[in-house]
């Protein structure tokens, strides 16, 4: 009878250990899914005033434009 009781305790402890590890893995994976997005510098078009990511802009004469067409319009 003592053998079965000991086996039952070992099984319960193993189950508790596995559940604890699974919860920790689930927390770390869920934290990775909800990470904050990268922050980009924004710029304002010198012609129309639209805000856009700075790396997508067209620069000319110290000004930043949202497109090449707006850069050409400002030069006229």
C-alpha atoms as a PDB file:
ATOM      1  CA  UNK A   1       0.000   0.000   0.000  1.00  0.00           C
ATOM      2  CA  UNK A   2       2.895   2.363   0.798  1.00  0.00           C
ATOM      3  CA  UNK A   3       4.285   1.738  -2.702  1.00  0.00           C
ATOM      4  CA  UNK A   4       1.081   2.996  -4.326  1.00  0.00           C
ATOM      5  CA  UNK A   5       0.942   6.041  -2.102  1.00  0.00           C
ATOM      6  CA  UNK A   6       4.553   6.903  -2.946  1.00  0.00           C
ATOM      7  CA  UNK A   7       3.850   6.396  -6.669  1.00  0.00           C
ATOM      8  CA  UNK A   8       0.797   8.659  -6.423  1.00  0.00           C
ATOM      9  CA  UNK A   9       2.871  11.408  -4.729  1.00  0.00           C
ATOM     10  CA  UNK A  10       5.573  11.168  -7.402  1.00  0.00           C
ATOM     11  CA  UNK A  11       2.979  11.430 -10.178  1.00  0.00           C
ATOM     12  CA  UNK A  12       1.318  14.460  -8.537  1.00  0.00           C
ATOM     13  CA  UNK A  13       4.688  16.211  -8.102  1.00  0.00           C
ATOM     14  CA  UNK A  14       5.671  15.484 -11.701  1.00  0.00           C
ATOM     15  CA  UNK A  15       2.326  16.844 -12.925  1.00  0.00           C
ATOM     16  CA  UNK A  16       2.745  20.018 -10.838  1.00  0.00           C
ATOM     17  CA  UNK A  17       6.299  20.486 -12.128  1.00  0.00           C
ATOM     18  CA  UNK A  18       5.227  20.111 -15.769  1.00  0.00           C
ATOM     19  CA  UNK A  19       2.308  22.528 -15.325  1.00  0.00           C
ATOM     20  CA  UNK A  20       4.604  25.137 -13.740  1.00  0.00           C
ATOM     21  CA  UNK A  21       7.093  24.889 -16.604  1.00  0.00           C
ATOM     22  CA  UNK A  22       4.295  25.128 -19.179  1.00  0.00           C
ATOM     23  CA  UNK A  23       2.935  28.306 -17.543  1.00  0.00           C
ATOM     24  CA  UNK A  24       6.383  29.916 -17.544  1.00  0.00           C
ATOM     25  CA  UNK A  25       6.875  29.078 -21.224  1.00  0.00           C
ATOM     26  CA  UNK A  26       3.424  30.418 -22.054  1.00  0.00           C
ATOM     27  CA  UNK A  27       4.135  33.709 -20.250  1.00  0.00           C
ATOM     28  CA  UNK A  28       7.433  34.247 -22.066  1.00  0.00           C
ATOM     29  CA  UNK A  29       5.936  33.470 -25.469  1.00  0.00           C
ATOM     30  CA  UNK A  30       2.950  35.749 -24.869  1.00  0.00           C
ATOM     31  CA  UNK A  31       5.268  38.589 -23.789  1.00  0.00           C
ATOM     32  CA  UNK A  32       7.194  38.255 -27.046  1.00  0.00           C
ATOM     33  CA  UNK A  33       3.967  38.502 -29.067  1.00  0.00           C
ATOM     34  CA  UNK A  34       2.991  41.804 -27.459  1.00  0.00           C
ATOM     35  CA  UNK A  35       6.290  43.622 -27.724  1.00  0.00           C
ATOM     36  CA  UNK A  36       6.176  47.314 -28.509  1.00  0.00           C
ATOM     37  CA  UNK A  37       6.682  48.253 -32.163  1.00  0.00           C
ATOM     38  CA  UNK A  38       9.813  50.069 -33.249  1.00  0.00           C
ATOM     39  CA  UNK A  39       9.557  53.864 -33.153  1.00  0.00           C
ATOM     40  CA  UNK A  40      10.252  55.720 -36.386  1.00  0.00           C
ATOM     41  CA  UNK A  41      11.037  59.384 -36.837  1.00  0.00           C
ATOM     42  CA  UNK A  42       8.236  61.223 -38.588  1.00  0.00           C
ATOM     43  CA  UNK A  43       8.428  64.196 -40.938  1.00  0.00           C
ATOM     44  CA  UNK A  44       5.942  66.673 -42.369  1.00  0.00           C
ATOM     45  CA  UNK A  45       5.742  67.322 -46.087  1.00  0.00           C
ATOM     46  CA  UNK A  46       6.788  70.894 -46.889  1.00  0.00           C
ATOM     47  CA  UNK A  47       4.134  71.055 -49.628  1.00  0.00           C
ATOM     48  CA  UNK A  48       0.950  69.356 -48.328  1.00  0.00           C
ATOM     49  CA  UNK A  49       1.640  68.951 -44.598  1.00  0.00           C
ATOM     50  CA  UNK A  50       1.057  65.186 -44.481  1.00  0.00           C
ATOM     51  CA  UNK A  51       3.069  63.325 -41.828  1.00  0.00           C
ATOM     52  CA  UNK A  52       5.008  60.262 -42.960  1.00  0.00           C
ATOM     53  CA  UNK A  53       8.023  58.163 -41.869  1.00  0.00           C
ATOM     54  CA  UNK A  54      11.205  60.156 -42.428  1.00  0.00           C
ATOM     55  CA  UNK A  55      12.975  57.315 -44.244  1.00  0.00           C
ATOM     56  CA  UNK A  56      10.227  57.339 -46.931  1.00  0.00           C
ATOM     57  CA  UNK A  57      10.599  61.048 -47.684  1.00  0.00           C
ATOM     58  CA  UNK A  58      12.323  62.934 -50.485  1.00  0.00           C
ATOM     59  CA  UNK A  59      14.804  65.628 -49.411  1.00  0.00           C
ATOM     60  CA  UNK A  60      15.577  68.729 -51.381  1.00  0.00           C
ATOM     61  CA  UNK A  61      17.145  72.011 -50.293  1.00  0.00           C
ATOM     62  CA  UNK A  62      16.862  71.251 -46.586  1.00  0.00           C
ATOM     63  CA  UNK A  63      13.142  70.424 -46.894  1.00  0.00           C
ATOM     64  CA  UNK A  64      11.430  67.033 -46.738  1.00  0.00           C
ATOM     65  CA  UNK A  65       8.596  66.044 -49.072  1.00  0.00           C
ATOM     66  CA  UNK A  66       6.239  63.058 -49.063  1.00  0.00           C
ATOM     67  CA  UNK A  67       6.757  62.372 -52.775  1.00  0.00           C
ATOM     68  CA  UNK A  68       8.876  63.395 -55.706  1.00  0.00           C
ATOM     69  CA  UNK A  69       5.850  65.126 -57.298  1.00  0.00           C
ATOM     70  CA  UNK A  70       5.498  67.457 -54.300  1.00  0.00           C
ATOM     71  CA  UNK A  71       9.223  68.217 -54.397  1.00  0.00           C
ATOM     72  CA  UNK A  72       8.868  69.219 -58.053  1.00  0.00           C
ATOM     73  CA  UNK A  73       5.802  71.409 -57.318  1.00  0.00           C
ATOM     74  CA  UNK A  74       7.642  73.263 -54.565  1.00  0.00           C
ATOM     75  CA  UNK A  75      10.627  73.949 -56.888  1.00  0.00           C
ATOM     76  CA  UNK A  76       8.392  75.731 -59.453  1.00  0.00           C
END
